[in-house]
Amino acid sequence: QEKTLEKLPLYRFVKSMVAGLLGAEKSASFKPGLFDAGNGTKEIVYVIEDLGDGTLTALFPYAPTGFARPIKIVPQASVESVDASLGDVSLVLNHMGLGVGRLLKSSKECGAAK
């Protein structure tokens, strides 16, 4: 797999996205998060990659098409992890944000239990 499929364009992207949709624990890509814009607003993001220098690559999804938006490099400190699967977040986006409160409440309860 690493010698063949990993070299195909988009393979790693699709593999990471599917792992995120399935809620695979080992998936390091496409982790849901909340980006704090610093002006009192927050945006749902998908963390694609930790760049290792205090910054992250993040996709800022549109509702209802969760993967049609720019990818930005943002400070790691401005992104709060959301304990939810990519599928759960995608469903909220598909419903134009309906269910965000439940998603965040569930994430906070999971975080408190850890």
N, C-alpha and C. Protein backbone atom coordinates (compact mmCIF):
# COMPACT_ATOMS: atom_id res chain seq x y z
N GLN A 1 0.82 -1.20 0.00
CA GLN A 1 0.00 0.00 0.00
C GLN A 1 0.87 1.26 0.00
N GLU A 2 1.86 1.33 0.89
CA GLU A 2 2.70 2.52 0.97
C GLU A 2 3.53 2.72 -0.29
N LYS A 3 3.91 1.65 -0.94
CA LYS A 3 4.76 1.77 -2.13
C LYS A 3 3.97 2.03 -3.40
N THR A 4 2.69 1.71 -3.39
CA THR A 4 1.90 1.89 -4.61
C THR A 4 0.79 2.92 -4.44
N LEU A 5 -0.18 2.60 -3.63
CA LEU A 5 -1.36 3.45 -3.50
C LEU A 5 -1.05 4.83 -2.94
N GLU A 6 -0.12 4.92 -1.99
CA GLU A 6 0.22 6.20 -1.38
C GLU A 6 0.74 7.20 -2.40
N LYS A 7 1.24 6.72 -3.54
CA LYS A 7 1.79 7.60 -4.56
C LYS A 7 0.74 8.11 -5.54
N LEU A 8 -0.46 7.54 -5.48
CA LEU A 8 -1.54 7.98 -6.37
C LEU A 8 -2.11 9.31 -5.87
N PRO A 9 -2.34 10.24 -6.78
CA PRO A 9 -2.93 11.52 -6.37
C PRO A 9 -4.29 11.29 -5.69
N LEU A 10 -4.52 12.01 -4.66
CA LEU A 10 -5.77 12.00 -3.89
C LEU A 10 -5.97 10.77 -3.02
N TYR A 11 -5.12 9.74 -3.12
CA TYR A 11 -5.34 8.53 -2.32
C TYR A 11 -5.29 8.84 -0.83
N ARG A 12 -4.23 9.56 -0.40
CA ARG A 12 -4.11 9.87 1.03
C ARG A 12 -5.27 10.73 1.50
N PHE A 13 -5.70 11.67 0.64
CA PHE A 13 -6.85 12.52 0.98
C PHE A 13 -8.10 11.68 1.20
N VAL A 14 -8.41 10.81 0.24
CA VAL A 14 -9.61 9.98 0.33
C VAL A 14 -9.51 9.04 1.52
N LYS A 15 -8.34 8.45 1.73
CA LYS A 15 -8.14 7.53 2.85
C LYS A 15 -8.36 8.25 4.19
N SER A 16 -7.81 9.44 4.33
CA SER A 16 -7.99 10.22 5.57
C SER A 16 -9.43 10.64 5.77
N MET A 17 -10.08 11.05 4.69
CA MET A 17 -11.47 11.49 4.79
C MET A 17 -12.37 10.32 5.18
N VAL A 18 -12.18 9.17 4.58
CA VAL A 18 -13.00 8.00 4.92
C VAL A 18 -12.75 7.59 6.37
N ALA A 19 -11.51 7.61 6.79
CA ALA A 19 -11.20 7.27 8.19
C ALA A 19 -11.88 8.25 9.13
N GLY A 20 -11.89 9.53 8.78
CA GLY A 20 -12.58 10.53 9.60
C GLY A 20 -14.07 10.32 9.63
N LEU A 21 -14.66 9.98 8.49
CA LEU A 21 -16.10 9.73 8.43
C LEU A 21 -16.50 8.53 9.27
N LEU A 22 -15.62 7.53 9.31
CA LEU A 22 -15.90 6.33 10.08
C LEU A 22 -15.55 6.49 11.55
N GLY A 23 -14.93 7.63 11.89
CA GLY A 23 -14.56 7.87 13.28
C GLY A 23 -13.36 7.07 13.72
N ALA A 24 -12.50 6.71 12.80
CA ALA A 24 -11.31 5.92 13.13
C ALA A 24 -10.42 6.72 14.07
N GLU A 25 -10.06 6.13 15.15
CA GLU A 25 -9.23 6.81 16.17
C GLU A 25 -7.85 7.15 15.65
N LYS A 26 -7.29 6.33 14.78
CA LYS A 26 -5.92 6.55 14.33
C LYS A 26 -5.81 7.62 13.25
N SER A 27 -6.94 8.07 12.76
CA SER A 27 -6.91 9.08 11.71
C SER A 27 -6.44 10.40 12.29
N ALA A 28 -5.36 10.93 11.74
CA ALA A 28 -4.84 12.21 12.21
C ALA A 28 -5.40 13.37 11.40
N SER A 29 -6.02 13.06 10.27
CA SER A 29 -6.56 14.09 9.39
C SER A 29 -8.07 14.20 9.52
N PHE A 30 -8.57 15.36 9.15
CA PHE A 30 -9.99 15.64 9.13
C PHE A 30 -10.64 15.46 10.50
N LYS A 31 -9.98 16.02 11.50
CA LYS A 31 -10.54 16.05 12.85
C LYS A 31 -11.38 17.32 12.97
N PRO A 32 -12.61 17.23 13.44
CA PRO A 32 -13.43 18.42 13.60
C PRO A 32 -12.87 19.34 14.69
N GLY A 33 -13.05 20.63 14.47
CA GLY A 33 -12.61 21.62 15.44
C GLY A 33 -13.42 22.90 15.32
N LEU A 34 -13.19 23.79 16.26
CA LEU A 34 -13.78 25.13 16.24
C LEU A 34 -12.67 26.14 16.16
N PHE A 35 -12.71 26.97 15.14
CA PHE A 35 -11.72 28.02 14.96
C PHE A 35 -12.25 29.28 15.62
N ASP A 36 -11.47 29.85 16.53
CA ASP A 36 -11.83 31.10 17.20
C ASP A 36 -11.22 32.25 16.41
N ALA A 37 -12.09 33.04 15.78
CA ALA A 37 -11.62 34.14 14.93
C ALA A 37 -11.13 35.33 15.75
N GLY A 38 -11.30 35.28 17.06
CA GLY A 38 -10.80 36.34 17.93
C GLY A 38 -11.72 37.54 18.06
N ASN A 39 -12.86 37.50 17.41
CA ASN A 39 -13.81 38.62 17.50
C ASN A 39 -15.14 38.17 18.07
N GLY A 40 -15.12 37.05 18.79
CA GLY A 40 -16.34 36.53 19.39
C GLY A 40 -17.05 35.50 18.53
N THR A 41 -16.57 35.27 17.32
CA THR A 41 -17.19 34.26 16.46
C THR A 41 -16.30 33.03 16.36
N LYS A 42 -16.94 31.90 16.15
CA LYS A 42 -16.24 30.65 15.96
C LYS A 42 -16.77 29.99 14.70
N GLU A 43 -15.90 29.25 14.03
CA GLU A 43 -16.27 28.53 12.81
C GLU A 43 -15.90 27.07 12.94
N ILE A 44 -16.76 26.21 12.41
CA ILE A 44 -16.43 24.79 12.35
C ILE A 44 -15.34 24.62 11.29
N VAL A 45 -14.33 23.84 11.64
CA VAL A 45 -13.24 23.54 10.70
C VAL A 45 -12.95 22.05 10.76
N TYR A 46 -12.28 21.59 9.73
CA TYR A 46 -11.70 20.25 9.72
C TYR A 46 -10.19 20.44 9.77
N VAL A 47 -9.56 19.92 10.82
CA VAL A 47 -8.10 19.99 10.92
C VAL A 47 -7.54 18.90 10.02
N ILE A 48 -6.78 19.33 9.03
CA ILE A 48 -6.23 18.39 8.06
C ILE A 48 -4.87 17.87 8.52
N GLU A 49 -4.05 18.80 9.05
CA GLU A 49 -2.69 18.39 9.40
C GLU A 49 -2.09 19.34 10.43
N ASP A 50 -1.38 18.77 11.39
CA ASP A 50 -0.59 19.55 12.33
C ASP A 50 0.77 19.74 11.68
N LEU A 51 1.16 20.98 11.43
CA LEU A 51 2.42 21.24 10.73
C LEU A 51 3.64 21.18 11.63
N GLY A 52 3.42 21.01 12.94
CA GLY A 52 4.52 20.83 13.86
C GLY A 52 5.24 22.09 14.27
N ASP A 53 4.77 23.24 13.84
CA ASP A 53 5.41 24.50 14.19
C ASP A 53 4.44 25.46 14.90
N GLY A 54 3.42 24.87 15.52
CA GLY A 54 2.41 25.69 16.19
C GLY A 54 1.28 26.11 15.27
N THR A 55 1.28 25.58 14.06
CA THR A 55 0.20 25.89 13.11
C THR A 55 -0.45 24.60 12.61
N LEU A 56 -1.67 24.76 12.09
CA LEU A 56 -2.44 23.65 11.54
C LEU A 56 -2.91 24.01 10.15
N THR A 57 -3.09 23.01 9.33
CA THR A 57 -3.79 23.20 8.07
C THR A 57 -5.25 22.86 8.34
N ALA A 58 -6.14 23.79 8.04
CA ALA A 58 -7.56 23.59 8.33
C ALA A 58 -8.41 23.94 7.12
N LEU A 59 -9.47 23.15 6.93
CA LEU A 59 -10.44 23.41 5.89
C LEU A 59 -11.65 24.07 6.55
N PHE A 60 -12.09 25.18 6.00
CA PHE A 60 -13.23 25.93 6.52
C PHE A 60 -14.45 25.60 5.66
N PRO A 61 -15.28 24.64 6.08
CA PRO A 61 -16.36 24.17 5.22
C PRO A 61 -17.54 25.13 5.13
N TYR A 62 -18.20 25.11 3.99
CA TYR A 62 -19.47 25.79 3.78
C TYR A 62 -20.60 24.83 4.14
N ALA A 63 -21.72 25.36 4.53
CA ALA A 63 -22.92 24.55 4.67
C ALA A 63 -23.77 24.80 3.44
N PRO A 64 -24.31 23.85 2.79
CA PRO A 64 -24.36 22.43 3.13
C PRO A 64 -23.27 21.59 2.47
N THR A 65 -22.38 22.17 1.67
CA THR A 65 -21.34 21.39 1.01
C THR A 65 -20.05 21.48 1.81
N GLY A 66 -19.86 20.55 2.70
CA GLY A 66 -18.79 20.60 3.68
C GLY A 66 -17.36 20.61 3.18
N PHE A 67 -17.14 20.27 1.91
CA PHE A 67 -15.76 20.22 1.45
C PHE A 67 -15.48 21.23 0.34
N ALA A 68 -16.33 22.23 0.25
CA ALA A 68 -16.15 23.26 -0.78
C ALA A 68 -15.81 24.58 -0.11
N ARG A 69 -14.55 24.75 0.20
CA ARG A 69 -14.12 25.97 0.88
C ARG A 69 -12.60 26.03 0.91
N PRO A 70 -12.04 27.16 1.25
CA PRO A 70 -10.58 27.28 1.26
C PRO A 70 -9.92 26.50 2.40
N ILE A 71 -8.67 26.20 2.15
CA ILE A 71 -7.82 25.58 3.16
C ILE A 71 -6.87 26.67 3.62
N LYS A 72 -6.73 26.81 4.96
CA LYS A 72 -5.90 27.86 5.52
C LYS A 72 -4.93 27.28 6.54
N ILE A 73 -3.82 27.99 6.72
CA ILE A 73 -2.88 27.66 7.78
C ILE A 73 -3.17 28.62 8.93
N VAL A 74 -3.49 28.05 10.10
CA VAL A 74 -3.94 28.85 11.24
C VAL A 74 -3.13 28.48 12.49
N PRO A 75 -3.06 29.40 13.46
CA PRO A 75 -2.37 29.06 14.71
C PRO A 75 -3.10 27.93 15.44
N GLN A 76 -2.36 26.98 15.93
CA GLN A 76 -2.93 25.84 16.65
C GLN A 76 -3.74 26.30 17.86
N ALA A 77 -3.29 27.35 18.52
CA ALA A 77 -3.98 27.86 19.71
C ALA A 77 -5.37 28.41 19.40
N SER A 78 -5.66 28.70 18.14
CA SER A 78 -6.96 29.25 17.79
C SER A 78 -7.99 28.17 17.44
N VAL A 79 -7.60 26.90 17.53
CA VAL A 79 -8.50 25.81 17.18
C VAL A 79 -8.75 24.93 18.40
N GLU A 80 -10.01 24.78 18.74
CA GLU A 80 -10.44 23.93 19.83
C GLU A 80 -10.94 22.62 19.24
N SER A 81 -10.48 21.51 19.78
CA SER A 81 -10.90 20.20 19.28
C SER A 81 -12.38 19.95 19.60
N VAL A 82 -13.08 19.31 18.69
CA VAL A 82 -14.48 18.92 18.90
C VAL A 82 -14.51 17.39 18.89
N ASP A 83 -15.01 16.81 19.97
CA ASP A 83 -15.05 15.36 20.10
C ASP A 83 -16.28 14.83 19.37
N ALA A 84 -16.16 14.73 18.04
CA ALA A 84 -17.25 14.24 17.20
C ALA A 84 -16.62 13.63 15.95
N SER A 85 -17.37 12.78 15.30
CA SER A 85 -16.85 12.19 14.07
C SER A 85 -17.05 13.16 12.91
N LEU A 86 -16.30 12.95 11.88
CA LEU A 86 -16.45 13.75 10.67
C LEU A 86 -17.87 13.60 10.12
N GLY A 87 -18.43 12.41 10.24
CA GLY A 87 -19.80 12.16 9.79
C GLY A 87 -20.82 12.99 10.55
N ASP A 88 -20.64 13.10 11.88
CA ASP A 88 -21.56 13.90 12.69
C ASP A 88 -21.51 15.37 12.29
N VAL A 89 -20.29 15.88 12.09
CA VAL A 89 -20.13 17.29 11.70
C VAL A 89 -20.67 17.52 10.30
N SER A 90 -20.41 16.59 9.39
CA SER A 90 -20.93 16.72 8.03
C SER A 90 -22.45 16.74 8.02
N LEU A 91 -23.07 15.95 8.87
CA LEU A 91 -24.53 15.95 8.96
C LEU A 91 -25.06 17.30 9.43
N VAL A 92 -24.40 17.90 10.41
CA VAL A 92 -24.79 19.23 10.89
C VAL A 92 -24.65 20.25 9.76
N LEU A 93 -23.57 20.17 9.01
CA LEU A 93 -23.38 21.10 7.89
C LEU A 93 -24.44 20.88 6.81
N ASN A 94 -24.76 19.63 6.53
CA ASN A 94 -25.78 19.33 5.53
C ASN A 94 -27.16 19.86 5.94
N HIS A 95 -27.36 19.98 7.25
CA HIS A 95 -28.63 20.52 7.77
C HIS A 95 -28.51 22.01 8.08
N MET A 96 -27.57 22.67 7.39
CA MET A 96 -27.40 24.13 7.49
C MET A 96 -27.16 24.60 8.93
N GLY A 97 -26.46 23.78 9.72
CA GLY A 97 -26.10 24.16 11.08
C GLY A 97 -27.03 23.65 12.16
N LEU A 98 -28.16 23.11 11.76
CA LEU A 98 -29.10 22.56 12.74
C LEU A 98 -28.45 21.38 13.44
N GLY A 99 -28.34 21.44 14.75
CA GLY A 99 -27.70 20.38 15.52
C GLY A 99 -26.34 20.75 16.06
N VAL A 100 -25.87 21.97 15.77
CA VAL A 100 -24.56 22.39 16.28
C VAL A 100 -24.55 22.41 17.81
N GLY A 101 -25.62 22.89 18.42
CA GLY A 101 -25.69 22.94 19.89
C GLY A 101 -25.56 21.56 20.50
N ARG A 102 -26.27 20.60 19.95
CA ARG A 102 -26.20 19.22 20.44
C ARG A 102 -24.80 18.65 20.26
N LEU A 103 -24.21 18.93 19.11
CA LEU A 103 -22.86 18.44 18.81
C LEU A 103 -21.84 19.00 19.80
N LEU A 104 -21.91 20.30 20.06
CA LEU A 104 -20.96 20.93 20.99
C LEU A 104 -21.21 20.49 22.42
N LYS A 105 -22.48 20.35 22.80
CA LYS A 105 -22.80 19.89 24.15
C LYS A 105 -22.25 18.48 24.37
N SER A 106 -22.45 17.62 23.39
CA SER A 106 -21.96 16.26 23.47
C SER A 106 -20.43 16.24 23.57
N SER A 107 -19.78 17.12 22.80
CA SER A 107 -18.32 17.20 22.82
C SER A 107 -17.82 17.65 24.18
N LYS A 108 -18.48 18.65 24.79
CA LYS A 108 -18.07 19.14 26.12
C LYS A 108 -18.27 18.06 27.18
N GLU A 109 -19.38 17.30 27.08
CA GLU A 109 -19.63 16.22 28.05
C GLU A 109 -18.59 15.13 27.93
N CYS A 110 -18.18 14.82 26.69
CA CYS A 110 -17.13 13.80 26.49
C CYS A 110 -15.81 14.29 27.04
N GLY A 111 -15.52 15.57 26.84
CA GLY A 111 -14.27 16.16 27.34
C GLY A 111 -14.23 16.17 28.86
N ALA A 112 -15.37 16.42 29.51
CA ALA A 112 -15.43 16.46 30.97
C ALA A 112 -15.27 15.05 31.55
N ALA A 113 -15.72 14.04 30.81
CA ALA A 113 -15.64 12.67 31.29
C ALA A 113 -14.24 12.11 31.18
N LYS A 114 -13.37 12.73 30.38
CA LYS A 114 -12.01 12.20 30.20
C LYS A 114 -11.10 12.57 31.32
